[in-house]
Amino acid sequence: MGPLGALLMPFLIFVGFAVLLILVNSIKVVREYERLVVFRLGLLVGERGPGLILLIPILERAVKVGLRTVTMDVPAQDVITKDNVSVKVNAVIYFRVVDAPRAIVQVENYLYATSQIAQTTLRSILGEQELDELLSERERLNQALQQVIDRQTEPWGVKVSTVEVKNVDLPQEMQRAMARQAEAERERRAKVIAAEGEYQASARLAEAAAVIGREPAAMQLRYLQTLAEIATENNSTTIFPVPIDILKALSGGWERKS
């Protein structure tokens, strides 16, 4: 090998290594839950995958996009409700890419953009509700948030499937006020139940009095029952009720004797 061959050998080795490296980088393995968005000289070619993908060296560039559902926490947001109560609300959002080319072309970073849209929507939608609605109508609010966020992310090829409000943090003063309100409500219910019981008992007593009034023998049976109840107790004094009819009969006999 002459001097020229000795000079060219390192260069050829370098060129061969570079070509091999370019070919290796042109071969992509795309998983089932991924897609490649391919650009050729800056122009969008389309979506490729899954499987083994061969790109044209130097001319084509690919961006990998995941299609699995993403779970994203929405940071706690300061929300002022319709009735002027300041609360902190956080949520969780579930979404996935349904159109990979749009997720790359239409927005710079679809993850960050979706997070920002979720935060602003959380403040705007929940700020239109009163505190009682915010605490008791979670399902309706979750659906409203999902529809609004999904409508705004649809041009990006992102589908929002679920939005769940996780926690609603109330100020300490509001928590104490709600505790007092709940205690007052429990007392009110207890009084209503007691009054209802008294009403039902008085109604039953009135019905019993009407029955006794129609049947004199019922009064005698009631006397006997009362005596049986008194006899079971350790009382030193026993009061024996005597019917007025018997007293009249006895008084009449004494008058005739006299």
C-alpha atoms as a PDB file:
ATOM      1  CA  MET A   1       0.000   0.000   0.000  1.00  0.00           C
ATOM      2  CA  GLY A   2       1.481   3.284  -1.081  1.00  0.00           C
ATOM      3  CA  PRO A   3       1.583   6.570   0.759  1.00  0.00           C
ATOM      4  CA  LEU A   4      -1.705   7.691  -0.854  1.00  0.00           C
ATOM      5  CA  GLY A   5      -3.521   4.562   0.353  1.00  0.00           C
ATOM      6  CA  ALA A   6      -2.191   5.101   3.826  1.00  0.00           C
ATOM      7  CA  LEU A   7      -3.630   8.623   3.802  1.00  0.00           C
ATOM      8  CA  LEU A   8      -7.008   7.561   2.406  1.00  0.00           C
ATOM      9  CA  MET A   9      -7.549   4.625   4.745  1.00  0.00           C
ATOM     10  CA  PRO A  10      -8.514   6.690   7.847  1.00  0.00           C
ATOM     11  CA  PHE A  11     -10.782   8.858   5.719  1.00  0.00           C
ATOM     12  CA  LEU A  12     -12.565   5.843   4.241  1.00  0.00           C
ATOM     13  CA  ILE A  13     -12.994   4.327   7.674  1.00  0.00           C
ATOM     14  CA  PHE A  14     -14.491   7.588   8.921  1.00  0.00           C
ATOM     15  CA  VAL A  15     -16.853   7.837   5.941  1.00  0.00           C
ATOM     16  CA  GLY A  16     -17.948   4.229   6.343  1.00  0.00           C
ATOM     17  CA  PHE A  17     -18.604   4.717  10.032  1.00  0.00           C
ATOM     18  CA  ALA A  18     -20.609   7.881   9.334  1.00  0.00           C
ATOM     19  CA  VAL A  19     -22.705   6.122   6.677  1.00  0.00           C
ATOM     20  CA  LEU A  20     -23.331   3.208   9.025  1.00  0.00           C
ATOM     21  CA  LEU A  21     -24.358   5.605  11.796  1.00  0.00           C
ATOM     22  CA  ILE A  22     -26.763   7.421   9.466  1.00  0.00           C
ATOM     23  CA  LEU A  23     -28.348   4.140   8.385  1.00  0.00           C
ATOM     24  CA  VAL A  24     -28.752   2.999  11.980  1.00  0.00           C
ATOM     25  CA  ASN A  25     -30.411   6.275  12.918  1.00  0.00           C
ATOM     26  CA  SER A  26     -32.754   5.936   9.934  1.00  0.00           C
ATOM     27  CA  ILE A  27     -34.210   2.695  11.290  1.00  0.00           C
ATOM     28  CA  LYS A  28     -36.872   3.214  13.942  1.00  0.00           C
ATOM     29  CA  VAL A  29     -38.834   0.675  15.961  1.00  0.00           C
ATOM     30  CA  VAL A  30     -42.234   2.062  16.888  1.00  0.00           C
ATOM     31  CA  ARG A  31     -44.236   0.385  19.655  1.00  0.00           C
ATOM     32  CA  GLU A  32     -47.957  -0.304  19.452  1.00  0.00           C
ATOM     33  CA  TYR A  33     -48.815   2.684  21.648  1.00  0.00           C
ATOM     34  CA  GLU A  34     -46.576   5.105  19.714  1.00  0.00           C
ATOM     35  CA  ARG A  35     -46.596   6.852  16.348  1.00  0.00           C
ATOM     36  CA  LEU A  36     -43.977   8.687  14.309  1.00  0.00           C
ATOM     37  CA  VAL A  37     -44.833  12.043  12.782  1.00  0.00           C
ATOM     38  CA  VAL A  38     -42.502  12.266   9.755  1.00  0.00           C
ATOM     39  CA  PHE A  39     -41.251  15.486   8.129  1.00  0.00           C
ATOM     40  CA  ARG A  40     -39.401  15.509   4.802  1.00  0.00           C
ATOM     41  CA  LEU A  41     -37.367  18.642   4.215  1.00  0.00           C
ATOM     42  CA  GLY A  42     -39.603  20.391   6.742  1.00  0.00           C
ATOM     43  CA  LEU A  43     -42.881  19.312   5.139  1.00  0.00           C
ATOM     44  CA  LEU A  44     -45.278  17.040   6.953  1.00  0.00           C
ATOM     45  CA  VAL A  45     -45.363  13.620   5.306  1.00  0.00           C
ATOM     46  CA  GLY A  46     -47.706  11.856   7.660  1.00  0.00           C
ATOM     47  CA  GLU A  47     -47.950   9.385  10.477  1.00  0.00           C
ATOM     48  CA  ARG A  48     -46.115   6.069  10.552  1.00  0.00           C
ATOM     49  CA  GLY A  49     -46.125   3.045  12.816  1.00  0.00           C
ATOM     50  CA  PRO A  50     -46.253   0.799  14.632  1.00  0.00           C
ATOM     51  CA  GLY A  51     -43.487  -1.604  13.657  1.00  0.00           C
ATOM     52  CA  LEU A  52     -40.146  -1.188  11.887  1.00  0.00           C
ATOM     53  CA  ILE A  53     -39.892   2.181  10.127  1.00  0.00           C
ATOM     54  CA  LEU A  54     -37.153   3.196   7.686  1.00  0.00           C
ATOM     55  CA  LEU A  55     -36.562   6.920   7.206  1.00  0.00           C
ATOM     56  CA  ILE A  56     -34.745   8.480   4.271  1.00  0.00           C
ATOM     57  CA  PRO A  57     -31.385   9.552   5.667  1.00  0.00           C
ATOM     58  CA  ILE A  58     -30.835  13.283   6.012  1.00  0.00           C
ATOM     59  CA  LEU A  59     -34.089  14.122   4.190  1.00  0.00           C
ATOM     60  CA  GLU A  60     -36.583  12.889   6.754  1.00  0.00           C
ATOM     61  CA  ARG A  61     -36.950  13.669  10.426  1.00  0.00           C
ATOM     62  CA  ALA A  62     -39.421  12.019  12.815  1.00  0.00           C
ATOM     63  CA  VAL A  63     -41.056  13.023  16.097  1.00  0.00           C
ATOM     64  CA  LYS A  64     -42.355  10.249  18.339  1.00  0.00           C
ATOM     65  CA  VAL A  65     -45.773  10.718  19.975  1.00  0.00           C
ATOM     66  CA  GLY A  66     -47.340   8.488  22.648  1.00  0.00           C
ATOM     67  CA  LEU A  67     -50.975   7.464  22.285  1.00  0.00           C
ATOM     68  CA  ARG A  68     -51.586   6.168  25.806  1.00  0.00           C
ATOM     69  CA  THR A  69     -53.870   7.982  28.226  1.00  0.00           C
ATOM     70  CA  VAL A  70     -51.992  10.590  30.251  1.00  0.00           C
ATOM     71  CA  THR A  71     -52.910  11.299  33.877  1.00  0.00           C
ATOM     72  CA  MET A  72     -52.119  14.892  34.798  1.00  0.00           C
ATOM     73  CA  ASP A  73     -52.597  16.626  38.141  1.00  0.00           C
ATOM     74  CA  VAL A  74     -53.975  20.135  37.885  1.00  0.00           C
ATOM     75  CA  PRO A  75     -52.282  22.256  40.590  1.00  0.00           C
ATOM     76  CA  ALA A  76     -54.462  23.831  43.283  1.00  0.00           C
ATOM     77  CA  GLN A  77     -56.162  26.946  41.954  1.00  0.00           C
ATOM     78  CA  ASP A  78     -57.495  29.906  43.944  1.00  0.00           C
ATOM     79  CA  VAL A  79     -61.173  30.140  43.100  1.00  0.00           C
ATOM     80  CA  ILE A  80     -63.660  32.772  44.287  1.00  0.00           C
ATOM     81  CA  THR A  81     -67.139  31.274  44.155  1.00  0.00           C
ATOM     82  CA  LYS A  82     -70.282  33.066  43.081  1.00  0.00           C
ATOM     83  CA  ASP A  83     -71.148  33.787  46.725  1.00  0.00           C
ATOM     84  CA  ASN A  84     -67.684  35.335  47.341  1.00  0.00           C
ATOM     85  CA  VAL A  85     -66.002  32.450  49.180  1.00  0.00           C
ATOM     86  CA  SER A  86     -62.295  31.941  48.473  1.00  0.00           C
ATOM     87  CA  VAL A  87     -61.333  28.266  48.134  1.00  0.00           C
ATOM     88  CA  LYS A  88     -58.454  26.228  46.746  1.00  0.00           C
ATOM     89  CA  VAL A  89     -59.423  23.516  44.262  1.00  0.00           C
ATOM     90  CA  ASN A  90     -57.258  20.930  42.544  1.00  0.00           C
ATOM     91  CA  ALA A  91     -58.221  18.294  40.009  1.00  0.00           C
ATOM     92  CA  VAL A  92     -56.937  15.456  37.851  1.00  0.00           C
ATOM     93  CA  ILE A  93     -57.372  15.229  34.080  1.00  0.00           C
ATOM     94  CA  TYR A  94     -57.187  12.169  31.818  1.00  0.00           C
ATOM     95  CA  PHE A  95     -56.464  12.703  28.121  1.00  0.00           C
ATOM     96  CA  ARG A  96     -54.787  11.056  25.141  1.00  0.00           C
ATOM     97  CA  VAL A  97     -53.566  11.974  21.662  1.00  0.00           C
ATOM     98  CA  VAL A  98     -55.947  10.824  18.941  1.00  0.00           C
ATOM     99  CA  ASP A  99     -54.302  12.687  16.035  1.00  0.00           C
ATOM    100  CA  ALA A 100     -50.510  12.645  16.283  1.00  0.00           C
ATOM    101  CA  PRO A 101     -49.745  15.029  13.380  1.00  0.00           C
ATOM    102  CA  ARG A 102     -52.016  17.730  14.780  1.00  0.00           C
ATOM    103  CA  ALA A 103     -50.545  17.287  18.274  1.00  0.00           C
ATOM    104  CA  ILE A 104     -47.118  18.171  16.804  1.00  0.00           C
ATOM    105  CA  VAL A 105     -48.031  20.717  14.143  1.00  0.00           C
ATOM    106  CA  GLN A 106     -50.875  22.680  15.758  1.00  0.00           C
ATOM    107  CA  VAL A 107     -49.310  23.298  19.175  1.00  0.00           C
ATOM    108  CA  GLU A 108     -45.730  23.569  20.386  1.00  0.00           C
ATOM    109  CA  ASN A 109     -46.129  21.398  23.502  1.00  0.00           C
ATOM    110  CA  TYR A 110     -49.502  19.716  23.820  1.00  0.00           C
ATOM    111  CA  LEU A 111     -48.825  18.515  27.389  1.00  0.00           C
ATOM    112  CA  TYR A 112     -48.072  22.002  28.673  1.00  0.00           C
ATOM    113  CA  ALA A 113     -50.882  23.555  26.649  1.00  0.00           C
ATOM    114  CA  THR A 114     -53.438  21.066  27.977  1.00  0.00           C
ATOM    115  CA  SER A 115     -52.289  21.721  31.536  1.00  0.00           C
ATOM    116  CA  GLN A 116     -52.714  25.478  31.119  1.00  0.00           C
ATOM    117  CA  ILE A 117     -56.141  25.110  29.543  1.00  0.00           C
ATOM    118  CA  ALA A 118     -57.221  22.852  32.431  1.00  0.00           C
ATOM    119  CA  GLN A 119     -56.084  25.413  35.028  1.00  0.00           C
ATOM    120  CA  THR A 120     -57.828  28.381  33.443  1.00  0.00           C
ATOM    121  CA  THR A 121     -61.013  26.379  32.806  1.00  0.00           C
ATOM    122  CA  LEU A 122     -61.038  25.159  36.401  1.00  0.00           C
ATOM    123  CA  ARG A 123     -60.987  28.726  37.680  1.00  0.00           C
ATOM    124  CA  SER A 124     -63.587  30.036  35.251  1.00  0.00           C
ATOM    125  CA  ILE A 125     -66.138  27.209  35.543  1.00  0.00           C
ATOM    126  CA  LEU A 126     -65.948  26.774  39.316  1.00  0.00           C
ATOM    127  CA  GLY A 127     -65.952  30.524  39.844  1.00  0.00           C
ATOM    128  CA  GLU A 128     -69.483  30.617  38.394  1.00  0.00           C
ATOM    129  CA  GLN A 129     -70.806  28.235  41.077  1.00  0.00           C
ATOM    130  CA  GLU A 130     -71.911  28.820  44.649  1.00  0.00           C
ATOM    131  CA  LEU A 131     -70.110  27.034  47.465  1.00  0.00           C
ATOM    132  CA  ASP A 132     -72.970  24.604  48.129  1.00  0.00           C
ATOM    133  CA  GLU A 133     -73.021  23.612  44.452  1.00  0.00           C
ATOM    134  CA  LEU A 134     -69.249  23.191  44.457  1.00  0.00           C
ATOM    135  CA  LEU A 135     -69.458  20.779  47.385  1.00  0.00           C
ATOM    136  CA  SER A 136     -72.584  18.824  46.431  1.00  0.00           C
ATOM    137  CA  GLU A 137     -72.693  18.725  42.618  1.00  0.00           C
ATOM    138  CA  ARG A 138     -69.291  17.266  41.785  1.00  0.00           C
ATOM    139  CA  GLU A 139     -70.575  15.014  38.997  1.00  0.00           C
ATOM    140  CA  ARG A 140     -72.210  17.873  37.082  1.00  0.00           C
ATOM    141  CA  LEU A 141     -69.147  20.081  37.463  1.00  0.00           C
ATOM    142  CA  ASN A 142     -66.813  17.283  36.335  1.00  0.00           C
ATOM    143  CA  GLN A 143     -68.858  16.835  33.164  1.00  0.00           C
ATOM    144  CA  ALA A 144     -68.902  20.578  32.489  1.00  0.00           C
ATOM    145  CA  LEU A 145     -65.120  20.806  32.916  1.00  0.00           C
ATOM    146  CA  GLN A 146     -64.543  17.806  30.644  1.00  0.00           C
ATOM    147  CA  GLN A 147     -66.718  19.225  27.862  1.00  0.00           C
ATOM    148  CA  VAL A 148     -65.126  22.684  27.939  1.00  0.00           C
ATOM    149  CA  ILE A 149     -61.525  21.443  28.068  1.00  0.00           C
ATOM    150  CA  ASP A 150     -62.141  18.807  25.394  1.00  0.00           C
ATOM    151  CA  ARG A 151     -63.660  21.403  23.081  1.00  0.00           C
ATOM    152  CA  GLN A 152     -60.565  23.598  23.396  1.00  0.00           C
ATOM    153  CA  THR A 153     -58.027  20.789  22.938  1.00  0.00           C
ATOM    154  CA  GLU A 154     -59.831  19.148  19.993  1.00  0.00           C
ATOM    155  CA  PRO A 155     -57.939  21.258  17.358  1.00  0.00           C
ATOM    156  CA  TRP A 156     -54.693  19.872  18.792  1.00  0.00           C
ATOM    157  CA  GLY A 157     -55.735  16.248  18.293  1.00  0.00           C
ATOM    158  CA  VAL A 158     -56.060  15.735  22.060  1.00  0.00           C
ATOM    159  CA  LYS A 159     -59.117  13.981  23.511  1.00  0.00           C
ATOM    160  CA  VAL A 160     -59.968  14.745  27.146  1.00  0.00           C
ATOM    161  CA  SER A 161     -61.902  11.781  28.525  1.00  0.00           C
ATOM    162  CA  THR A 162     -62.314  12.594  32.218  1.00  0.00           C
ATOM    163  CA  VAL A 163     -61.861  15.497  34.605  1.00  0.00           C
ATOM    164  CA  GLU A 164     -62.260  14.928  38.347  1.00  0.00           C
ATOM    165  CA  VAL A 165     -62.244  17.604  41.045  1.00  0.00           C
ATOM    166  CA  LYS A 166     -60.146  16.110  43.856  1.00  0.00           C
ATOM    167  CA  ASN A 167     -60.079  18.468  46.844  1.00  0.00           C
ATOM    168  CA  VAL A 168     -61.842  21.658  47.850  1.00  0.00           C
ATOM    169  CA  ASP A 169     -59.922  23.385  50.660  1.00  0.00           C
ATOM    170  CA  LEU A 170     -62.065  25.812  52.654  1.00  0.00           C
ATOM    171  CA  PRO A 171     -60.806  28.615  54.933  1.00  0.00           C
ATOM    172  CA  GLN A 172     -60.799  27.811  58.656  1.00  0.00           C
ATOM    173  CA  GLU A 173     -63.535  30.370  59.341  1.00  0.00           C
ATOM    174  CA  MET A 174     -65.784  28.762  56.728  1.00  0.00           C
ATOM    175  CA  GLN A 175     -65.132  25.293  58.128  1.00  0.00           C
ATOM    176  CA  ARG A 176     -66.161  26.435  61.623  1.00  0.00           C
ATOM    177  CA  ALA A 177     -69.263  28.151  60.253  1.00  0.00           C
ATOM    178  CA  MET A 178     -70.262  25.020  58.347  1.00  0.00           C
ATOM    179  CA  ALA A 179     -69.709  22.908  61.484  1.00  0.00           C
ATOM    180  CA  ARG A 180     -72.012  25.217  63.470  1.00  0.00           C
ATOM    181  CA  GLN A 181     -74.572  25.070  60.685  1.00  0.00           C
ATOM    182  CA  ALA A 182     -74.446  21.268  60.622  1.00  0.00           C
ATOM    183  CA  GLU A 183     -74.849  21.108  64.416  1.00  0.00           C
ATOM    184  CA  ALA A 184     -77.842  23.459  64.299  1.00  0.00           C
ATOM    185  CA  GLU A 185     -79.379  21.350  61.546  1.00  0.00           C
ATOM    186  CA  ARG A 186     -78.961  18.186  63.634  1.00  0.00           C
ATOM    187  CA  GLU A 187     -80.604  19.885  66.629  1.00  0.00           C
ATOM    188  CA  ARG A 188     -83.472  21.048  64.459  1.00  0.00           C
ATOM    189  CA  ARG A 189     -84.041  17.535  63.148  1.00  0.00           C
ATOM    190  CA  ALA A 190     -83.950  16.103  66.680  1.00  0.00           C
ATOM    191  CA  LYS A 191     -86.579  18.598  67.834  1.00  0.00           C
ATOM    192  CA  VAL A 192     -88.757  17.870  64.826  1.00  0.00           C
ATOM    193  CA  ILE A 193     -88.520  14.126  65.465  1.00  0.00           C
ATOM    194  CA  ALA A 194     -89.366  14.606  69.159  1.00  0.00           C
ATOM    195  CA  ALA A 195     -92.341  16.821  68.311  1.00  0.00           C
ATOM    196  CA  GLU A 196     -93.541  14.284  65.746  1.00  0.00           C
ATOM    197  CA  GLY A 197     -93.311  11.560  68.386  1.00  0.00           C
ATOM    198  CA  GLU A 198     -95.340  13.645  70.855  1.00  0.00           C
ATOM    199  CA  TYR A 199     -97.946  14.310  68.200  1.00  0.00           C
ATOM    200  CA  GLN A 200     -98.292  10.630  67.327  1.00  0.00           C
ATOM    201  CA  ALA A 201     -98.463   9.668  71.021  1.00  0.00           C
ATOM    202  CA  SER A 202    -101.204  12.241  71.709  1.00  0.00           C
ATOM    203  CA  ALA A 203    -103.137  11.007  68.699  1.00  0.00           C
ATOM    204  CA  ARG A 204    -102.961   7.425  70.004  1.00  0.00           C
ATOM    205  CA  LEU A 205    -104.041   8.543  73.472  1.00  0.00           C
ATOM    206  CA  ALA A 206    -107.024  10.343  71.986  1.00  0.00           C
ATOM    207  CA  GLU A 207    -108.000   7.197  70.086  1.00  0.00           C
ATOM    208  CA  ALA A 208    -107.634   5.102  73.277  1.00  0.00           C
ATOM    209  CA  ALA A 209    -109.793   7.548  75.232  1.00  0.00           C
ATOM    210  CA  ALA A 210    -112.462   7.361  72.560  1.00  0.00           C
ATOM    211  CA  VAL A 211    -112.478   3.542  72.747  1.00  0.00           C
ATOM    212  CA  ILE A 212    -112.694   3.564  76.542  1.00  0.00           C
ATOM    213  CA  GLY A 213    -115.490   6.090  76.396  1.00  0.00           C
ATOM    214  CA  ARG A 214    -117.531   3.815  74.130  1.00  0.00           C
ATOM    215  CA  GLU A 215    -116.848   0.630  76.151  1.00  0.00           C
ATOM    216  CA  PRO A 216    -117.219   0.965  79.987  1.00  0.00           C
ATOM    217  CA  ALA A 217    -115.778  -2.526  80.454  1.00  0.00           C
ATOM    218  CA  ALA A 218    -112.540  -1.309  78.933  1.00  0.00           C
ATOM    219  CA  MET A 219    -112.159   1.075  81.861  1.00  0.00           C
ATOM    220  CA  GLN A 220    -112.487  -1.813  84.316  1.00  0.00           C
ATOM    221  CA  LEU A 221    -109.829  -3.777  82.437  1.00  0.00           C
ATOM    222  CA  ARG A 222    -107.596  -0.743  82.546  1.00  0.00           C
ATOM    223  CA  TYR A 223    -108.070  -0.564  86.323  1.00  0.00           C
ATOM    224  CA  LEU A 224    -107.057  -4.199  86.681  1.00  0.00           C
ATOM    225  CA  GLN A 225    -103.991  -3.684  84.509  1.00  0.00           C
ATOM    226  CA  THR A 226    -102.951  -0.709  86.623  1.00  0.00           C
ATOM    227  CA  LEU A 227    -103.309  -2.792  89.799  1.00  0.00           C
ATOM    228  CA  ALA A 228    -101.110  -5.503  88.269  1.00  0.00           C
ATOM    229  CA  GLU A 229     -98.451  -2.950  87.443  1.00  0.00           C
ATOM    230  CA  ILE A 230     -98.567  -1.465  90.946  1.00  0.00           C
ATOM    231  CA  ALA A 231     -98.307  -4.904  92.547  1.00  0.00           C
ATOM    232  CA  THR A 232     -94.999  -5.584  90.800  1.00  0.00           C
ATOM    233  CA  GLU A 233     -93.413  -2.525  92.433  1.00  0.00           C
ATOM    234  CA  ASN A 234     -92.184  -2.299  96.027  1.00  0.00           C
ATOM    235  CA  ASN A 235     -94.418   0.544  97.092  1.00  0.00           C
ATOM    236  CA  SER A 236     -95.433   1.060 100.675  1.00  0.00           C
ATOM    237  CA  THR A 237     -98.735   2.573  99.734  1.00  0.00           C
ATOM    238  CA  THR A 238    -101.165   1.161  97.189  1.00  0.00           C
ATOM    239  CA  ILE A 239    -103.980   3.241  95.797  1.00  0.00           C
ATOM    240  CA  PHE A 240    -106.984   1.146  94.861  1.00  0.00           C
ATOM    241  CA  PRO A 241    -109.292   2.855  92.374  1.00  0.00           C
ATOM    242  CA  VAL A 242    -112.940   2.137  93.098  1.00  0.00           C
ATOM    243  CA  PRO A 243    -115.537   2.704  90.405  1.00  0.00           C
ATOM    244  CA  ILE A 244    -118.063   5.437  91.154  1.00  0.00           C
ATOM    245  CA  ASP A 245    -120.954   3.052  90.442  1.00  0.00           C
ATOM    246  CA  ILE A 246    -119.873   0.840  93.341  1.00  0.00           C
ATOM    247  CA  LEU A 247    -119.610   3.850  95.637  1.00  0.00           C
ATOM    248  CA  LYS A 248    -123.108   4.962  94.661  1.00  0.00           C
ATOM    249  CA  ALA A 249    -124.467   1.482  95.342  1.00  0.00           C
ATOM    250  CA  LEU A 250    -122.832   1.376  98.766  1.00  0.00           C
ATOM    251  CA  SER A 251    -123.988   4.872  99.673  1.00  0.00           C
ATOM    252  CA  GLY A 252    -127.543   3.980  98.673  1.00  0.00           C
ATOM    253  CA  GLY A 253    -127.521   0.898 100.917  1.00  0.00           C
ATOM    254  CA  TRP A 254    -126.307   2.875 103.885  1.00  0.00           C
ATOM    255  CA  GLU A 255    -129.038   5.453 103.389  1.00  0.00           C
ATOM    256  CA  ARG A 256    -131.737   2.741 103.438  1.00  0.00           C
ATOM    257  CA  LYS A 257    -130.339   1.235 106.659  1.00  0.00           C
ATOM    258  CA  SER A 258    -130.324   4.571 108.303  1.00  0.00           C
END
